[in-house]
C-alpha cells in the first residue's frame, strides 16, 4: 500500500467545515487544497467560513462552478485521497481513475 501524501477536501455546509478542520488538525502538511462552492444564496451556507479557514491556514481554495469544473479541479490536483462531505454534485468515477 502506498503512502497518502496529498489529500484534497471537497465540501460545504457545517459538517463539511468540521471535517475539513479535523483533517487539517490531523495532517496539515498533507492537505493540498480545499474545493467548495459559492452557496451564499443558501441559508445554511458556510462559504465565508471556508474562505476564512483556507486563507488563515494558507490553503489553496478552489471555488467550483459546476460538476464538470469540480471534476477538472480534482484531475488537475491529482490527490492520493479525496474527502467529500456535503457536496452538491456526483463525481464521476473516471475522475478518480489513474491516468
N, C-alpha and C. Protein backbone atom coordinates (compact mmCIF):
# COMPACT_ATOMS: atom_id res chain seq x y z
N UNK A 1 0.84 -1.18 0.00
CA UNK A 1 0.00 0.00 0.00
C UNK A 1 0.88 1.24 0.00
N UNK A 2 0.58 2.16 -0.89
CA UNK A 2 1.38 3.38 -0.96
C UNK A 2 0.94 4.39 0.10
N UNK A 3 1.83 5.26 0.44
CA UNK A 3 1.57 6.27 1.46
C UNK A 3 0.70 7.39 0.87
N UNK A 4 -0.20 7.91 1.67
CA UNK A 4 -1.06 9.01 1.25
C UNK A 4 -0.36 10.32 1.60
N UNK A 5 0.07 11.04 0.58
CA UNK A 5 0.79 12.29 0.78
C UNK A 5 -0.03 13.52 0.43
N UNK A 6 -0.97 13.37 -0.49
CA UNK A 6 -1.74 14.53 -0.98
C UNK A 6 -3.23 14.29 -0.79
N UNK A 7 -3.82 15.09 0.11
CA UNK A 7 -5.24 14.96 0.43
C UNK A 7 -5.96 16.22 -0.03
N UNK A 8 -7.06 16.01 -0.71
CA UNK A 8 -7.91 17.11 -1.17
C UNK A 8 -9.24 17.03 -0.44
N UNK A 9 -9.77 18.17 -0.01
CA UNK A 9 -11.07 18.22 0.63
C UNK A 9 -12.05 18.91 -0.30
N UNK A 10 -13.23 18.30 -0.45
CA UNK A 10 -14.32 18.91 -1.22
C UNK A 10 -15.55 18.94 -0.33
N UNK A 11 -16.13 20.11 -0.13
CA UNK A 11 -17.32 20.13 0.70
C UNK A 11 -17.89 21.50 0.92
N UNK A 12 -18.97 21.49 1.69
CA UNK A 12 -19.68 22.71 2.04
C UNK A 12 -20.46 22.46 3.34
N UNK A 13 -21.17 23.42 3.75
CA UNK A 13 -22.04 23.36 4.93
C UNK A 13 -21.26 23.10 6.23
N UNK A 14 -21.97 23.09 7.34
CA UNK A 14 -21.36 22.99 8.66
C UNK A 14 -20.59 21.68 8.86
N UNK A 15 -21.18 20.56 8.47
CA UNK A 15 -20.49 19.29 8.65
C UNK A 15 -19.20 19.26 7.83
N UNK A 16 -19.24 19.74 6.62
CA UNK A 16 -18.05 19.80 5.79
C UNK A 16 -16.95 20.61 6.44
N UNK A 17 -17.30 21.75 7.00
CA UNK A 17 -16.32 22.61 7.65
C UNK A 17 -15.70 21.91 8.85
N UNK A 18 -16.51 21.21 9.63
CA UNK A 18 -15.98 20.48 10.79
C UNK A 18 -15.01 19.38 10.35
N UNK A 19 -15.36 18.67 9.29
CA UNK A 19 -14.48 17.61 8.79
C UNK A 19 -13.19 18.20 8.25
N UNK A 20 -13.28 19.29 7.51
CA UNK A 20 -12.08 19.96 6.99
C UNK A 20 -11.14 20.34 8.13
N UNK A 21 -11.66 20.94 9.16
CA UNK A 21 -10.83 21.36 10.29
C UNK A 21 -10.18 20.16 10.98
N UNK A 22 -10.91 19.06 11.08
CA UNK A 22 -10.36 17.85 11.70
C UNK A 22 -9.24 17.27 10.83
N UNK A 23 -9.45 17.21 9.54
CA UNK A 23 -8.40 16.72 8.63
C UNK A 23 -7.16 17.58 8.77
N UNK A 24 -7.36 18.88 8.80
CA UNK A 24 -6.23 19.80 8.93
C UNK A 24 -5.49 19.58 10.25
N UNK A 25 -6.24 19.35 11.32
CA UNK A 25 -5.59 19.15 12.63
C UNK A 25 -4.78 17.85 12.66
N UNK A 26 -5.20 16.86 11.89
CA UNK A 26 -4.51 15.57 11.88
C UNK A 26 -3.33 15.52 10.91
N UNK A 27 -3.45 16.21 9.79
CA UNK A 27 -2.40 16.12 8.76
C UNK A 27 -2.30 17.41 7.95
N UNK A 28 -1.90 18.50 8.59
CA UNK A 28 -1.88 19.79 7.88
C UNK A 28 -0.96 19.82 6.67
N UNK A 29 0.13 19.11 6.72
CA UNK A 29 1.09 19.14 5.61
C UNK A 29 0.63 18.32 4.41
N UNK A 30 -0.33 17.43 4.63
CA UNK A 30 -0.82 16.59 3.55
C UNK A 30 -2.01 17.20 2.80
N UNK A 31 -2.64 18.18 3.39
CA UNK A 31 -3.81 18.81 2.79
C UNK A 31 -3.37 19.75 1.68
N UNK A 32 -3.68 19.40 0.43
CA UNK A 32 -3.18 20.18 -0.71
C UNK A 32 -4.18 21.23 -1.19
N UNK A 33 -5.39 21.18 -0.69
CA UNK A 33 -6.35 22.18 -1.13
C UNK A 33 -7.75 21.90 -0.63
N UNK A 34 -8.60 22.91 -0.85
CA UNK A 34 -9.99 22.86 -0.46
C UNK A 34 -10.83 23.25 -1.68
N UNK A 35 -11.85 22.45 -1.96
CA UNK A 35 -12.77 22.77 -3.04
C UNK A 35 -14.14 22.97 -2.41
N UNK A 36 -14.76 24.11 -2.70
CA UNK A 36 -16.10 24.39 -2.21
C UNK A 36 -16.86 25.10 -3.31
N UNK A 37 -18.07 25.51 -3.00
CA UNK A 37 -18.87 26.27 -3.95
C UNK A 37 -19.33 27.55 -3.28
N UNK A 38 -19.69 28.54 -4.08
CA UNK A 38 -20.27 29.76 -3.54
C UNK A 38 -21.77 29.53 -3.40
N UNK A 39 -22.16 29.12 -2.21
CA UNK A 39 -23.57 28.84 -1.93
C UNK A 39 -24.18 29.89 -1.00
N UNK A 40 -23.75 31.13 -1.17
CA UNK A 40 -24.21 32.20 -0.28
C UNK A 40 -25.71 32.46 -0.38
N UNK A 41 -26.37 31.94 -1.40
CA UNK A 41 -27.83 32.09 -1.50
C UNK A 41 -28.56 31.06 -0.64
N UNK A 42 -27.85 30.12 -0.08
CA UNK A 42 -28.42 29.08 0.78
C UNK A 42 -28.29 29.54 2.23
N UNK A 43 -29.36 29.44 2.99
CA UNK A 43 -29.33 29.89 4.39
C UNK A 43 -28.36 29.08 5.24
N UNK A 44 -28.00 27.88 4.78
CA UNK A 44 -27.08 27.02 5.53
C UNK A 44 -25.61 27.26 5.15
N UNK A 45 -25.34 28.25 4.36
CA UNK A 45 -24.00 28.48 3.83
C UNK A 45 -22.94 28.65 4.91
N UNK A 46 -21.78 28.14 4.61
CA UNK A 46 -20.58 28.36 5.42
C UNK A 46 -19.45 28.82 4.51
N UNK A 47 -19.82 29.36 3.36
CA UNK A 47 -18.85 29.79 2.36
C UNK A 47 -17.80 30.74 2.96
N UNK A 48 -18.25 31.74 3.69
CA UNK A 48 -17.32 32.68 4.30
C UNK A 48 -16.37 32.02 5.28
N UNK A 49 -16.87 31.04 6.01
CA UNK A 49 -16.04 30.31 6.97
C UNK A 49 -15.00 29.45 6.26
N UNK A 50 -15.41 28.81 5.14
CA UNK A 50 -14.45 28.03 4.35
C UNK A 50 -13.35 28.95 3.81
N UNK A 51 -13.77 30.08 3.29
CA UNK A 51 -12.82 31.05 2.73
C UNK A 51 -11.85 31.54 3.81
N UNK A 52 -12.38 31.90 4.96
CA UNK A 52 -11.54 32.39 6.06
C UNK A 52 -10.56 31.30 6.52
N UNK A 53 -11.06 30.08 6.71
CA UNK A 53 -10.21 28.99 7.18
C UNK A 53 -9.08 28.73 6.19
N UNK A 54 -9.42 28.63 4.92
CA UNK A 54 -8.40 28.36 3.90
C UNK A 54 -7.35 29.47 3.89
N UNK A 55 -7.78 30.71 3.95
CA UNK A 55 -6.82 31.83 3.95
C UNK A 55 -5.97 31.82 5.22
N UNK A 56 -6.57 31.58 6.36
CA UNK A 56 -5.83 31.63 7.62
C UNK A 56 -4.82 30.49 7.74
N UNK A 57 -5.08 29.38 7.06
CA UNK A 57 -4.16 28.24 7.10
C UNK A 57 -3.28 28.15 5.85
N UNK A 58 -3.41 29.16 5.01
CA UNK A 58 -2.64 29.24 3.75
C UNK A 58 -2.87 28.00 2.87
N UNK A 59 -4.15 27.62 2.77
CA UNK A 59 -4.54 26.51 1.91
C UNK A 59 -5.09 27.06 0.60
N UNK A 60 -4.82 26.37 -0.47
CA UNK A 60 -5.34 26.77 -1.76
C UNK A 60 -6.84 26.48 -1.79
N UNK A 61 -7.63 27.51 -2.09
CA UNK A 61 -9.08 27.39 -2.13
C UNK A 61 -9.55 27.45 -3.57
N UNK A 62 -10.36 26.46 -3.96
CA UNK A 62 -10.93 26.41 -5.30
C UNK A 62 -12.44 26.51 -5.17
N UNK A 63 -13.05 27.37 -5.98
CA UNK A 63 -14.49 27.52 -5.99
C UNK A 63 -15.01 26.87 -7.27
N UNK A 64 -15.69 25.74 -7.12
CA UNK A 64 -16.21 25.03 -8.28
C UNK A 64 -17.51 25.66 -8.74
N UNK A 65 -17.63 25.81 -10.05
CA UNK A 65 -18.83 26.43 -10.64
C UNK A 65 -19.91 25.41 -10.97
N UNK A 66 -19.49 24.19 -11.25
CA UNK A 66 -20.43 23.13 -11.62
C UNK A 66 -19.72 21.79 -11.50
N UNK A 67 -20.43 20.71 -11.83
CA UNK A 67 -19.86 19.37 -11.70
C UNK A 67 -18.60 19.21 -12.53
N UNK A 68 -18.67 19.60 -13.79
CA UNK A 68 -17.52 19.43 -14.68
C UNK A 68 -16.30 20.20 -14.15
N UNK A 69 -16.53 21.40 -13.66
CA UNK A 69 -15.43 22.21 -13.12
C UNK A 69 -14.83 21.53 -11.88
N UNK A 70 -15.68 20.98 -11.01
CA UNK A 70 -15.16 20.31 -9.81
C UNK A 70 -14.33 19.09 -10.20
N UNK A 71 -14.77 18.35 -11.20
CA UNK A 71 -14.01 17.19 -11.66
C UNK A 71 -12.68 17.62 -12.27
N UNK A 72 -12.68 18.73 -12.97
CA UNK A 72 -11.44 19.26 -13.57
C UNK A 72 -10.44 19.63 -12.47
N UNK A 73 -10.91 20.23 -11.40
CA UNK A 73 -10.03 20.61 -10.29
C UNK A 73 -9.40 19.36 -9.68
N UNK A 74 -10.20 18.33 -9.47
CA UNK A 74 -9.68 17.08 -8.90
C UNK A 74 -8.60 16.50 -9.81
N UNK A 75 -8.88 16.45 -11.10
CA UNK A 75 -7.91 15.89 -12.04
C UNK A 75 -6.61 16.69 -12.04
N UNK A 76 -6.71 18.01 -12.00
CA UNK A 76 -5.52 18.87 -12.01
C UNK A 76 -4.68 18.68 -10.76
N UNK A 77 -5.33 18.57 -9.60
CA UNK A 77 -4.60 18.45 -8.34
C UNK A 77 -4.11 17.03 -8.09
N UNK A 78 -4.78 16.05 -8.68
CA UNK A 78 -4.36 14.65 -8.62
C UNK A 78 -4.05 14.18 -7.19
N UNK A 79 -5.02 14.27 -6.28
CA UNK A 79 -4.77 13.85 -4.90
C UNK A 79 -4.66 12.34 -4.76
N UNK A 80 -3.99 11.91 -3.70
CA UNK A 80 -3.95 10.49 -3.35
C UNK A 80 -5.27 10.07 -2.70
N UNK A 81 -5.90 11.03 -2.01
CA UNK A 81 -7.14 10.77 -1.29
C UNK A 81 -7.99 12.04 -1.36
N UNK A 82 -9.28 11.85 -1.57
CA UNK A 82 -10.19 13.00 -1.64
C UNK A 82 -11.33 12.76 -0.67
N UNK A 83 -11.49 13.67 0.31
CA UNK A 83 -12.62 13.62 1.23
C UNK A 83 -13.73 14.49 0.64
N UNK A 84 -14.92 13.94 0.56
CA UNK A 84 -16.07 14.67 0.01
C UNK A 84 -17.18 14.66 1.05
N UNK A 85 -17.52 15.86 1.55
CA UNK A 85 -18.53 15.99 2.60
C UNK A 85 -19.44 17.17 2.29
N UNK A 86 -20.72 16.89 2.12
CA UNK A 86 -21.67 17.97 1.86
C UNK A 86 -21.52 18.54 0.47
N UNK A 87 -21.32 17.67 -0.50
CA UNK A 87 -21.07 18.13 -1.87
C UNK A 87 -22.36 18.12 -2.67
N UNK A 88 -22.44 18.96 -3.67
CA UNK A 88 -23.65 19.17 -4.44
C UNK A 88 -23.81 18.24 -5.64
N UNK A 89 -22.71 17.79 -6.21
CA UNK A 89 -22.78 17.01 -7.44
C UNK A 89 -22.09 15.67 -7.26
N UNK A 90 -22.60 14.68 -7.97
CA UNK A 90 -21.92 13.40 -8.01
C UNK A 90 -20.62 13.59 -8.80
N UNK A 91 -19.59 12.92 -8.36
CA UNK A 91 -18.31 12.98 -9.04
C UNK A 91 -18.16 11.69 -9.84
N UNK A 92 -17.91 11.81 -11.11
CA UNK A 92 -17.79 10.64 -11.97
C UNK A 92 -16.60 9.76 -11.59
N UNK A 93 -16.78 8.47 -11.71
CA UNK A 93 -15.74 7.51 -11.38
C UNK A 93 -14.46 7.76 -12.17
N UNK A 94 -14.59 8.17 -13.41
CA UNK A 94 -13.43 8.41 -14.26
C UNK A 94 -12.52 9.51 -13.69
N UNK A 95 -13.08 10.39 -12.89
CA UNK A 95 -12.30 11.49 -12.30
C UNK A 95 -11.19 10.94 -11.42
N UNK A 96 -11.44 9.82 -10.77
CA UNK A 96 -10.50 9.27 -9.80
C UNK A 96 -9.65 8.13 -10.35
N UNK A 97 -9.80 7.84 -11.60
CA UNK A 97 -9.02 6.76 -12.21
C UNK A 97 -7.62 7.29 -12.53
N UNK A 98 -6.62 6.48 -12.26
CA UNK A 98 -5.22 6.87 -12.54
C UNK A 98 -5.04 7.06 -14.03
N UNK A 99 -4.28 8.09 -14.36
CA UNK A 99 -4.02 8.34 -15.78
C UNK A 99 -2.71 7.75 -16.21
